């Protein structure tokens, strides 16, 4: 059984933090060109190594120092970037580009207002990128959007385009992201960022075959890059091609031995293949260091359960469920572990809320039916009826149709599909999705009503609190209420990065 873990399949391409132009003349020859190529493909450690070697021979080379400053910023090392900029100034570096580098360091240090002050009269494309990122950090999304647009109007610039596309993806504006990609395909068709972005957009749209093709193209063009290989493995896994995904992961592991993201993906694939003994052997030496709410922790717990260690699994899933209150997989596995431990009534109490929704997956329905029957609950026969293949197929077909419409941002079709599913009974998950679709259509009152109905049905669920706050935030209605709801969601699920991000936006909007 494939674990129902909330894993993002979209490997959002990281925006290069500075442009690739330079101060001074290019006296570095091939070494500088190699460093530039590494920088453009986000191979920042390799670029840094090359630049350090060049500085040993030419310690005052302005081009090399400027690119090294950009590289340290891209690596997120503000202190190292400051040291490089001090050398750059001593060597004679000055002007607008130096101020842009200083603005990049200010952003790293969490000082967006200082970054804006450094580029106040600078209208270079990279200045527009920095300005937009500073405005986003200040919660001024409308201003940031305007800055991105002005930067794009000023000329073709890859880091600016990537930053704008990332912003569009993060805000769910897939149409805008696609337009940016079309432009990037005109002026930088073979660039690393262009190729990966094509996969990211396809994955965000739910176009798995398109994502596989795009990530495959990126891995062929840049065979030494691990991130697109991991994204390709994710896409293959999403399609059900587990063996193909494993081959990609094993190939990537040869390039980056010990990479935790690759190890997590490998363990996930082993779980889908049912290789529980292999998983236990791989993880049992470090079980004390594994976060029970991580993907590795959830998979290790499942391995223990499948191998007959029900009580150990129950302890792990109890912890995971407390840490991940909105994660259905953790709750389902806790119920299964309780049932295997002989606590049928506890298992039924755990699984009953999960199985009550129209969109409950067959795995959850099956677990709940077994628990209900063992506990002598009358709902067992109802759950068995819901597992009837004909009935289940019809429900899952509608659920898949609705999800595909949401992914494609076909709001009208999504709303119609979920409205049909809602006729089978009130379901907060269906209502949540209807709220998102209604908001996409600009039907603000309906969106709020659906979101609030979902929250009423499950008042402590962080996911429904989140959506109720998010709809208010995006519609610009009741901003103080949006903040309160998102704060409640963050308290209920403090580990959720999406809730934390949207709470930050709500605080900025309400200030």
Protein backbone atom coordinates (compact mmCIF):
# COMPACT_ATOMS: atom_id res chain seq x y z
CA UNK A 1 0.00 0.00 0.00
CA UNK A 2 1.32 3.41 -0.88
CA UNK A 3 1.63 5.61 2.20
CA UNK A 4 -0.73 8.57 2.31
CA UNK A 5 1.96 11.07 3.29
CA UNK A 6 1.77 14.72 2.33
CA UNK A 7 4.83 14.88 0.10
CA UNK A 8 5.22 17.73 -2.36
CA UNK A 9 5.85 16.41 -5.86
CA UNK A 10 6.74 19.85 -7.13
CA UNK A 11 10.47 20.49 -6.73
CA UNK A 12 10.17 24.27 -6.95
CA UNK A 13 13.21 25.49 -8.80
CA UNK A 14 15.34 27.78 -6.64
CA UNK A 15 15.69 31.30 -7.96
CA UNK A 16 19.26 32.40 -8.55
CA UNK A 17 19.85 35.21 -6.12
CA UNK A 18 21.89 37.42 -8.41
CA UNK A 19 22.49 37.98 -12.07
CA UNK A 20 25.48 36.56 -13.86
CA UNK A 21 26.91 39.80 -15.13
CA UNK A 22 30.02 41.17 -13.46
CA UNK A 23 32.04 44.17 -12.39
CA UNK A 24 35.18 44.78 -14.39
CA UNK A 25 36.65 42.89 -17.32
CA UNK A 26 36.72 39.16 -17.94
CA UNK A 27 40.36 38.26 -17.52
CA UNK A 28 39.57 34.90 -15.97
CA UNK A 29 39.26 32.95 -19.21
CA UNK A 30 37.84 29.46 -19.11
CA UNK A 31 37.84 29.26 -15.32
CA UNK A 32 35.38 32.10 -15.01
CA UNK A 33 33.21 30.66 -17.76
CA UNK A 34 33.10 27.35 -15.91
CA UNK A 35 32.15 29.09 -12.69
CA UNK A 36 29.41 30.99 -14.51
CA UNK A 37 28.08 27.78 -16.02
CA UNK A 38 28.11 26.09 -12.61
CA UNK A 39 26.35 29.09 -11.09
CA UNK A 40 23.69 29.08 -13.81
CA UNK A 41 23.00 25.38 -13.20
CA UNK A 42 22.87 25.99 -9.43
CA UNK A 43 26.04 23.98 -8.85
CA UNK A 44 27.09 26.59 -6.31
CA UNK A 45 29.72 24.58 -4.37
CA UNK A 46 31.51 23.78 -7.63
CA UNK A 47 31.38 27.43 -8.71
CA UNK A 48 32.78 28.50 -5.33
CA UNK A 49 35.68 26.05 -5.57
CA UNK A 50 36.61 27.32 -9.04
CA UNK A 51 36.41 30.95 -7.95
CA UNK A 52 38.55 30.39 -4.85
CA UNK A 53 41.22 28.78 -7.03
CA UNK A 54 41.14 31.75 -9.41
CA UNK A 55 41.49 34.25 -6.57
CA UNK A 56 44.72 32.59 -5.47
CA UNK A 57 46.21 33.78 -8.77
CA UNK A 58 44.23 37.00 -9.17
CA UNK A 59 43.16 38.17 -5.70
CA UNK A 60 41.78 41.49 -6.98
CA UNK A 61 39.88 40.24 -10.04
CA UNK A 62 36.59 42.16 -9.87
CA UNK A 63 34.70 39.69 -12.05
CA UNK A 64 35.72 36.76 -9.89
CA UNK A 65 34.99 38.57 -6.63
CA UNK A 66 31.56 39.70 -7.83
CA UNK A 67 30.56 36.21 -8.92
CA UNK A 68 31.91 34.74 -5.69
CA UNK A 69 29.75 37.23 -3.78
CA UNK A 70 26.70 36.05 -5.73
CA UNK A 71 27.64 32.45 -5.10
CA UNK A 72 27.93 32.92 -1.35
CA UNK A 73 24.55 34.66 -1.35
CA UNK A 74 23.03 31.80 -3.34
CA UNK A 75 24.48 29.38 -0.77
CA UNK A 76 22.80 31.40 1.98
CA UNK A 77 26.09 32.35 3.69
CA UNK A 78 25.69 36.02 4.60
CA UNK A 79 28.93 36.22 6.60
CA UNK A 80 31.00 34.77 3.77
CA UNK A 81 29.29 37.09 1.30
CA UNK A 82 30.14 40.09 3.50
CA UNK A 83 33.79 39.10 3.52
CA UNK A 84 33.82 38.82 -0.25
CA UNK A 85 32.12 42.19 -0.68
CA UNK A 86 34.70 43.80 1.60
CA UNK A 87 37.43 42.43 -0.68
CA UNK A 88 35.47 43.60 -3.72
CA UNK A 89 35.26 47.15 -2.38
CA UNK A 90 38.96 47.17 -1.50
CA UNK A 91 39.77 46.03 -5.04
CA UNK A 92 37.80 48.93 -6.52
CA UNK A 93 34.32 47.52 -6.91
CA UNK A 94 31.58 50.10 -6.72
CA UNK A 95 28.35 51.31 -8.27
CA UNK A 96 24.89 49.86 -8.73
CA UNK A 97 25.95 46.25 -9.02
CA UNK A 98 27.82 46.38 -5.74
CA UNK A 99 24.71 47.81 -4.09
CA UNK A 100 22.67 44.96 -5.55
CA UNK A 101 25.04 42.48 -3.96
CA UNK A 102 24.69 44.32 -0.66
CA UNK A 103 20.92 44.19 -1.09
CA UNK A 104 21.13 40.44 -1.59
CA UNK A 105 23.03 40.11 1.70
CA UNK A 106 20.44 42.30 3.44
CA UNK A 107 17.70 39.96 2.24
CA UNK A 108 19.64 37.00 3.60
CA UNK A 109 19.86 38.73 6.96
CA UNK A 110 16.12 39.34 7.04
CA UNK A 111 16.39 43.08 6.40
CA UNK A 112 14.16 43.70 3.36
CA UNK A 113 13.72 47.42 4.09
CA UNK A 114 17.49 47.87 4.01
CA UNK A 115 17.62 45.97 0.73
CA UNK A 116 15.02 48.29 -0.80
CA UNK A 117 16.96 51.37 0.31
CA UNK A 118 20.08 50.12 -1.49
CA UNK A 119 18.35 49.84 -4.88
CA UNK A 120 15.93 52.75 -4.65
CA UNK A 121 17.10 54.36 -7.93
CA UNK A 122 18.15 51.17 -9.71
CA UNK A 123 15.93 49.90 -12.52
CA UNK A 124 18.07 47.04 -13.82
CA UNK A 125 16.23 43.75 -14.25
CA UNK A 126 18.08 42.27 -11.29
CA UNK A 127 17.17 45.26 -9.16
CA UNK A 128 13.51 44.61 -9.95
CA UNK A 129 13.96 40.99 -8.82
CA UNK A 130 15.56 42.06 -5.55
CA UNK A 131 12.88 44.70 -5.06
CA UNK A 132 10.11 42.14 -5.59
CA UNK A 133 11.69 39.68 -3.15
CA UNK A 134 12.10 42.41 -0.53
CA UNK A 135 8.47 43.42 -0.97
CA UNK A 136 7.36 39.83 -0.56
CA UNK A 137 9.36 39.63 2.65
CA UNK A 138 7.51 42.72 3.84
CA UNK A 139 4.14 41.14 2.99
CA UNK A 140 3.51 43.54 0.10
CA UNK A 141 2.41 40.99 -2.48
CA UNK A 142 0.69 43.48 -4.79
CA UNK A 143 3.81 45.66 -4.90
CA UNK A 144 5.96 42.59 -5.54
CA UNK A 145 3.75 41.56 -8.45
CA UNK A 146 4.13 45.04 -9.96
CA UNK A 147 7.92 44.89 -9.54
CA UNK A 148 8.13 41.51 -11.21
CA UNK A 149 6.09 42.82 -14.13
CA UNK A 150 8.25 45.96 -14.49
CA UNK A 151 11.36 43.82 -14.41
CA UNK A 152 10.02 41.53 -17.12
CA UNK A 153 9.17 44.61 -19.20
CA UNK A 154 12.76 45.83 -18.81
CA UNK A 155 14.24 42.81 -20.57
CA UNK A 156 14.96 39.09 -20.58
CA UNK A 157 16.65 37.97 -17.39
CA UNK A 158 16.84 34.38 -16.20
CA UNK A 159 17.11 34.88 -12.41
CA UNK A 160 14.24 37.38 -12.52
CA UNK A 161 12.11 35.01 -14.58
CA UNK A 162 12.81 32.09 -12.27
CA UNK A 163 11.98 34.13 -9.16
CA UNK A 164 8.75 35.32 -10.76
CA UNK A 165 7.81 31.80 -11.85
CA UNK A 166 8.47 30.49 -8.35
CA UNK A 167 6.24 33.21 -6.93
CA UNK A 168 3.51 32.27 -9.41
CA UNK A 169 3.76 28.58 -8.50
CA UNK A 170 3.69 29.28 -4.78
CA UNK A 171 0.57 31.40 -5.17
CA UNK A 172 -1.12 28.82 -7.42
CA UNK A 173 -1.09 31.03 -10.51
CA UNK A 174 -0.22 28.28 -12.98
CA UNK A 175 -1.31 30.30 -15.99
CA UNK A 176 1.19 33.05 -15.17
CA UNK A 177 3.92 30.50 -14.47
CA UNK A 178 3.23 28.96 -17.89
CA UNK A 179 3.50 32.36 -19.59
CA UNK A 180 6.86 32.96 -17.93
CA UNK A 181 8.05 29.53 -19.04
CA UNK A 182 7.03 30.29 -22.62
CA UNK A 183 9.18 33.40 -22.53
CA UNK A 184 12.11 31.54 -20.95
CA UNK A 185 11.88 28.97 -23.72
CA UNK A 186 12.44 31.80 -26.18
CA UNK A 187 15.54 33.36 -24.64
CA UNK A 188 17.02 30.47 -22.61
CA UNK A 189 15.55 27.22 -23.99
CA UNK A 190 18.28 24.90 -22.76
CA UNK A 191 18.94 26.52 -19.39
CA UNK A 192 18.76 24.32 -16.32
CA UNK A 193 16.08 26.47 -14.71
CA UNK A 194 13.96 26.44 -17.86
CA UNK A 195 14.01 22.67 -18.14
CA UNK A 196 13.24 22.07 -14.47
CA UNK A 197 10.53 24.72 -14.39
CA UNK A 198 8.73 22.90 -17.21
CA UNK A 199 8.59 19.82 -14.99
CA UNK A 200 7.51 21.81 -11.95
CA UNK A 201 4.59 23.37 -13.81
CA UNK A 202 3.50 20.05 -15.29
CA UNK A 203 3.63 18.44 -11.84
CA UNK A 204 1.64 21.31 -10.32
CA UNK A 205 -1.01 20.81 -13.01
CA UNK A 206 -1.22 17.11 -12.27
CA UNK A 207 0.22 16.29 -15.72
CA UNK A 208 2.36 13.37 -14.60
CA UNK A 209 3.46 12.26 -18.07
CA UNK A 210 4.46 15.82 -18.92
CA UNK A 211 6.43 16.11 -15.69
CA UNK A 212 8.24 12.84 -16.41
CA UNK A 213 9.16 14.03 -19.91
CA UNK A 214 10.36 17.42 -18.68
CA UNK A 215 12.40 16.11 -15.76
CA UNK A 216 13.81 13.41 -18.01
CA UNK A 217 15.00 16.09 -20.42
CA UNK A 218 16.57 18.03 -17.54
CA UNK A 219 18.42 14.99 -16.21
CA UNK A 220 19.73 14.18 -19.69
CA UNK A 221 20.98 17.72 -20.24
CA UNK A 222 22.42 18.02 -16.72
CA UNK A 223 23.36 14.45 -15.71
CA UNK A 224 25.24 15.57 -12.60
CA UNK A 225 22.26 17.33 -11.00
CA UNK A 226 20.39 15.44 -8.31
CA UNK A 227 17.26 17.63 -7.77
CA UNK A 228 15.67 16.93 -11.19
CA UNK A 229 16.48 13.23 -10.75
CA UNK A 230 14.63 13.23 -7.44
CA UNK A 231 11.73 15.09 -9.05
CA UNK A 232 11.71 12.54 -11.90
CA UNK A 233 11.61 9.68 -9.38
CA UNK A 234 8.68 11.37 -7.62
CA UNK A 235 6.80 11.72 -10.89
CA UNK A 236 7.46 8.10 -11.88
CA UNK A 237 6.28 7.01 -8.44
CA UNK A 238 3.13 9.09 -8.86
CA UNK A 239 2.44 7.19 -12.08
CA UNK A 240 2.94 3.88 -10.33
CA UNK A 241 6.26 3.04 -12.02
CA UNK A 242 7.98 2.13 -8.76
CA UNK A 243 10.83 0.09 -10.25
CA UNK A 244 11.68 2.87 -12.71
CA UNK A 245 11.63 5.39 -9.88
CA UNK A 246 13.97 3.19 -7.84
CA UNK A 247 16.45 3.00 -10.72
CA UNK A 248 16.54 6.78 -10.90
CA UNK A 249 17.08 7.06 -7.13
CA UNK A 250 19.90 4.53 -7.21
CA UNK A 251 21.56 6.42 -10.06
CA UNK A 252 21.24 9.69 -8.16
CA UNK A 253 22.67 8.11 -5.00
CA UNK A 254 25.91 7.42 -6.87
CA UNK A 255 26.24 11.16 -7.41
CA UNK A 256 25.24 12.19 -3.88
CA UNK A 257 25.88 9.40 -1.40
CA UNK A 258 24.09 9.91 1.88
CA UNK A 259 21.67 12.53 0.55
CA UNK A 260 18.78 12.42 3.06
CA UNK A 261 16.16 13.30 0.42
CA UNK A 262 17.28 10.38 -1.74
CA UNK A 263 17.33 8.03 1.25
CA UNK A 264 13.82 9.09 2.18
CA UNK A 265 12.63 8.48 -1.37
CA UNK A 266 14.32 5.06 -1.48
CA UNK A 267 12.67 3.99 1.77
CA UNK A 268 9.30 5.22 0.50
CA UNK A 269 9.68 3.14 -2.67
CA UNK A 270 10.71 0.07 -0.66
CA UNK A 271 7.51 0.52 1.36
CA UNK A 272 5.43 0.55 -1.81
CA UNK A 273 7.13 -2.69 -2.82
CA UNK A 274 6.37 -4.18 0.60
CA UNK A 275 10.02 -4.78 1.46
CA UNK A 276 9.51 -4.26 5.18
CA UNK A 277 12.49 -6.32 6.36
CA UNK A 278 14.82 -4.28 4.18
CA UNK A 279 13.37 -1.07 5.60
CA UNK A 280 13.76 -2.24 9.18
CA UNK A 281 17.35 -3.31 8.63
CA UNK A 282 18.13 0.03 6.98
CA UNK A 283 16.64 2.11 9.80
CA UNK A 284 16.73 0.11 13.03
CA UNK A 285 20.20 1.29 14.01
CA UNK A 286 18.99 4.89 14.20
CA UNK A 287 15.37 4.58 15.29
CA UNK A 288 16.07 6.77 18.30
CA UNK A 289 17.07 9.64 16.01
CA UNK A 290 14.20 9.33 13.54
CA UNK A 291 11.47 11.93 13.84
CA UNK A 292 8.24 9.88 14.16
CA UNK A 293 6.37 12.53 12.14
CA UNK A 294 8.83 12.45 9.24
CA UNK A 295 8.33 10.34 6.15
CA UNK A 296 11.07 8.00 7.39
CA UNK A 297 9.43 7.76 10.80
CA UNK A 298 6.02 6.93 9.34
CA UNK A 299 7.49 4.32 7.03
CA UNK A 300 9.54 2.75 9.82
CA UNK A 301 6.43 2.53 11.95
CA UNK A 302 4.59 0.80 9.13
CA UNK A 303 7.46 -1.65 8.69
CA UNK A 304 7.29 -2.54 12.39
CA UNK A 305 3.54 -3.08 12.13
CA UNK A 306 3.78 -5.27 9.02
CA UNK A 307 6.50 -7.34 10.69
CA UNK A 308 4.34 -8.02 13.74
CA UNK A 309 5.69 -5.44 16.19
CA UNK A 310 2.31 -3.84 16.78
CA UNK A 311 2.99 -2.28 20.19
CA UNK A 312 6.17 -0.52 19.00
CA UNK A 313 4.29 0.72 15.95
CA UNK A 314 1.43 1.98 18.12
CA UNK A 315 3.82 4.08 20.20
CA UNK A 316 5.40 5.60 17.09
CA UNK A 317 2.08 6.38 15.41
CA UNK A 318 0.66 7.85 18.62
CA UNK A 319 3.52 10.35 18.61
CA UNK A 320 3.20 10.99 14.90
CA UNK A 321 -0.53 11.66 15.16
CA UNK A 322 0.04 14.24 17.87
CA UNK A 323 2.68 15.97 15.76
CA UNK A 324 0.71 15.67 12.50
CA UNK A 325 -2.95 16.15 13.44
CA UNK A 326 -3.97 16.70 9.83
CA UNK A 327 -2.20 13.67 8.37
CA UNK A 328 -4.65 10.86 7.50
CA UNK A 329 -1.92 8.26 7.03
CA UNK A 330 -0.58 8.68 10.56
CA UNK A 331 -4.11 8.36 11.98
CA UNK A 332 -4.94 5.35 9.82
CA UNK A 333 -1.77 3.53 10.85
CA UNK A 334 -2.39 4.35 14.50
CA UNK A 335 -5.80 2.73 14.15
CA UNK A 336 -4.30 -0.35 12.51
CA UNK A 337 -1.64 -0.60 15.23
CA UNK A 338 -4.30 -0.30 17.94
CA UNK A 339 -6.34 -3.05 16.29
CA UNK A 340 -3.28 -5.30 15.97
CA UNK A 341 -2.51 -4.64 19.64
CA UNK A 342 -5.95 -5.89 20.66
CA UNK A 343 -7.57 -2.48 21.27
CA UNK A 344 -10.48 -2.78 18.84
CA UNK A 345 -12.56 -0.03 20.46
CA UNK A 346 -9.64 2.40 20.48
CA UNK A 347 -8.94 1.56 16.84
CA UNK A 348 -12.54 2.26 15.88
CA UNK A 349 -12.54 5.59 17.71
CA UNK A 350 -9.37 6.55 15.83
CA UNK A 351 -10.58 5.44 12.41
CA UNK A 352 -14.23 6.45 12.56
CA UNK A 353 -13.65 10.18 11.76
CA UNK A 354 -11.38 9.30 8.84
CA UNK A 355 -13.90 6.88 7.33
CA UNK A 356 -16.90 9.17 7.68
CA UNK A 357 -15.96 11.38 4.72
CA UNK A 358 -17.10 10.79 1.16
CA UNK A 359 -13.51 11.07 -0.09
CA UNK A 360 -12.14 8.43 2.29
CA UNK A 361 -9.70 6.21 0.40
CA UNK A 362 -10.33 2.44 0.11
CA UNK A 363 -7.41 1.71 2.44
CA UNK A 364 -9.01 3.82 5.18
CA UNK A 365 -12.45 2.31 4.60
CA UNK A 366 -11.01 -1.18 4.82
CA UNK A 367 -9.12 -0.46 8.05
CA UNK A 368 -12.19 1.18 9.58
CA UNK A 369 -14.47 -1.70 8.57
CA UNK A 370 -12.16 -4.22 10.26
CA UNK A 371 -11.97 -2.10 13.41
CA UNK A 372 -15.73 -1.52 13.52
CA UNK A 373 -16.43 -5.21 13.13
CA UNK A 374 -13.92 -6.16 15.83
CA UNK A 375 -15.43 -3.54 18.16
CA UNK A 376 -18.99 -4.69 17.42
CA UNK A 377 -19.93 -1.30 15.98
CA UNK A 378 -23.07 -1.25 13.79
CA UNK A 379 -21.30 0.92 11.21
CA UNK A 380 -19.29 -2.10 10.04
CA UNK A 381 -21.96 -3.15 7.54
CA UNK A 382 -22.28 0.40 6.18
CA UNK A 383 -18.53 0.53 5.60
CA UNK A 384 -18.62 -2.86 3.90
CA UNK A 385 -21.32 -1.56 1.56
CA UNK A 386 -19.19 1.48 0.75
CA UNK A 387 -16.40 -0.90 -0.22
CA UNK A 388 -18.61 -2.51 -2.87
CA UNK A 389 -16.41 -2.36 -6.03
CA UNK A 390 -19.08 -0.78 -8.23
CA UNK A 391 -20.02 1.89 -5.70
CA UNK A 392 -16.40 2.53 -4.75
CA UNK A 393 -15.31 2.87 -8.37
CA UNK A 394 -17.97 5.49 -9.05
CA UNK A 395 -17.01 7.52 -5.98
CA UNK A 396 -13.28 7.36 -6.68
CA UNK A 397 -13.87 8.34 -10.32
CA UNK A 398 -15.66 11.48 -9.18
CA UNK A 399 -12.95 12.17 -6.60
CA UNK A 400 -10.24 11.80 -9.24
CA UNK A 401 -12.19 14.04 -11.61
CA UNK A 402 -12.49 16.73 -8.96
CA UNK A 403 -8.82 16.55 -8.03
CA UNK A 404 -7.76 16.76 -11.67
CA UNK A 405 -9.97 19.81 -12.15
CA UNK A 406 -8.48 21.48 -9.08
CA UNK A 407 -4.94 20.75 -10.28
CA UNK A 408 -5.76 22.22 -13.69
CA UNK A 409 -7.50 25.18 -12.00
CA UNK A 410 -10.67 24.36 -13.88
CA UNK A 411 -12.67 25.86 -11.05
CA UNK A 412 -16.07 25.48 -12.71
CA UNK A 413 -15.65 21.75 -13.30
CA UNK A 414 -14.14 21.24 -9.84
CA UNK A 415 -17.06 22.98 -8.14
CA UNK A 416 -19.63 21.02 -10.14
CA UNK A 417 -17.88 17.72 -9.39
CA UNK A 418 -17.58 18.32 -5.67
CA UNK A 419 -21.16 19.58 -5.51
CA UNK A 420 -22.21 16.18 -6.90
CA UNK A 421 -20.09 14.41 -4.28
CA UNK A 422 -21.61 16.55 -1.53
CA UNK A 423 -25.02 15.09 -2.35
CA UNK A 424 -23.75 11.84 -0.78
CA UNK A 425 -23.51 13.54 2.60
CA UNK A 426 -21.82 16.44 4.35
CA UNK A 427 -18.06 16.03 4.17
CA UNK A 428 -15.65 18.73 5.38
CA UNK A 429 -13.02 17.67 2.85
CA UNK A 430 -15.47 18.09 -0.03
CA UNK A 431 -16.58 21.45 1.36
CA UNK A 432 -12.97 22.57 1.71
CA UNK A 433 -12.33 21.86 -1.95
CA UNK A 434 -15.56 23.57 -2.95
CA UNK A 435 -14.37 26.64 -1.04
CA UNK A 436 -11.12 26.68 -3.01
CA UNK A 437 -12.95 26.28 -6.33
CA UNK A 438 -15.51 28.97 -5.48
CA UNK A 439 -12.69 31.34 -4.49
CA UNK A 440 -11.00 30.61 -7.82
CA UNK A 441 -14.23 31.60 -9.58
CA UNK A 442 -14.43 34.80 -7.57
CA UNK A 443 -17.55 33.63 -5.75
CA UNK A 444 -16.46 35.08 -2.43
CA UNK A 445 -19.62 34.60 -0.39
CA UNK A 446 -19.98 30.98 -1.47
CA UNK A 447 -16.30 30.31 -0.78
CA UNK A 448 -16.61 31.63 2.75
CA UNK A 449 -19.81 29.66 3.36
CA UNK A 450 -18.25 26.39 2.19
CA UNK A 451 -15.08 26.96 4.20
CA UNK A 452 -17.02 27.79 7.35
CA UNK A 453 -19.27 24.73 6.94
CA UNK A 454 -16.16 22.56 6.70
CA UNK A 455 -14.76 24.18 9.84
CA UNK A 456 -18.04 23.67 11.71
CA UNK A 457 -18.05 19.96 10.89
CA UNK A 458 -14.45 19.53 12.13
CA UNK A 459 -13.70 22.55 14.34
CA UNK A 460 -10.32 21.33 15.58
CA UNK A 461 -8.94 20.21 12.22
CA UNK A 462 -6.00 22.45 11.24
CA UNK A 463 -6.58 21.89 7.53
CA UNK A 464 -10.09 23.34 7.62
CA UNK A 465 -9.05 26.21 9.89
CA UNK A 466 -6.28 26.92 7.39
CA UNK A 467 -8.59 27.04 4.39
CA UNK A 468 -11.16 29.19 6.20
CA UNK A 469 -8.41 31.69 6.96
CA UNK A 470 -6.80 31.43 3.54
CA UNK A 471 -10.04 32.10 1.67
CA UNK A 472 -10.60 35.24 3.72
CA UNK A 473 -7.03 36.33 3.13
CA UNK A 474 -7.09 35.81 -0.63
CA UNK A 475 -10.49 37.45 -1.02
CA UNK A 476 -9.44 40.39 1.15
CA UNK A 477 -12.39 39.87 3.47
CA UNK A 478 -12.24 39.91 7.26
CA UNK A 479 -8.45 40.07 7.47
CA UNK A 480 -8.47 40.06 11.25
CA UNK A 481 -10.60 36.90 11.13
CA UNK A 482 -8.21 35.38 8.62
CA UNK A 483 -5.33 35.98 10.99
CA UNK A 484 -7.19 34.46 13.97
CA UNK A 485 -8.10 31.35 11.98
CA UNK A 486 -4.58 30.90 10.66
CA UNK A 487 -3.15 31.39 14.14
CA UNK A 488 -5.49 28.66 15.40
CA UNK A 489 -4.40 26.41 12.52
CA UNK A 490 -0.73 27.05 13.35
CA UNK A 491 -1.33 26.17 17.01
CA UNK A 492 -3.10 22.96 15.98
CA UNK A 493 -0.38 22.00 13.46
CA UNK A 494 2.80 24.01 14.10
CA UNK A 495 4.86 21.89 11.71
CA UNK A 496 2.85 22.68 8.59
CA UNK A 497 4.93 25.04 6.39
CA UNK A 498 1.94 26.12 4.29
CA UNK A 499 0.05 27.28 7.37
CA UNK A 500 3.12 29.13 8.63
CA UNK A 501 3.60 30.84 5.26
CA UNK A 502 -0.02 31.96 5.00
CA UNK A 503 -0.05 33.13 8.61
CA UNK A 504 2.93 35.33 7.78
CA UNK A 505 0.98 36.82 4.88
CA UNK A 506 -2.05 37.40 7.08
CA UNK A 507 0.02 39.21 9.70
CA UNK A 508 1.56 41.43 7.05
CA UNK A 509 -1.85 42.15 5.48
CA UNK A 510 -3.44 43.03 8.81
CA UNK A 511 -0.63 45.34 9.92
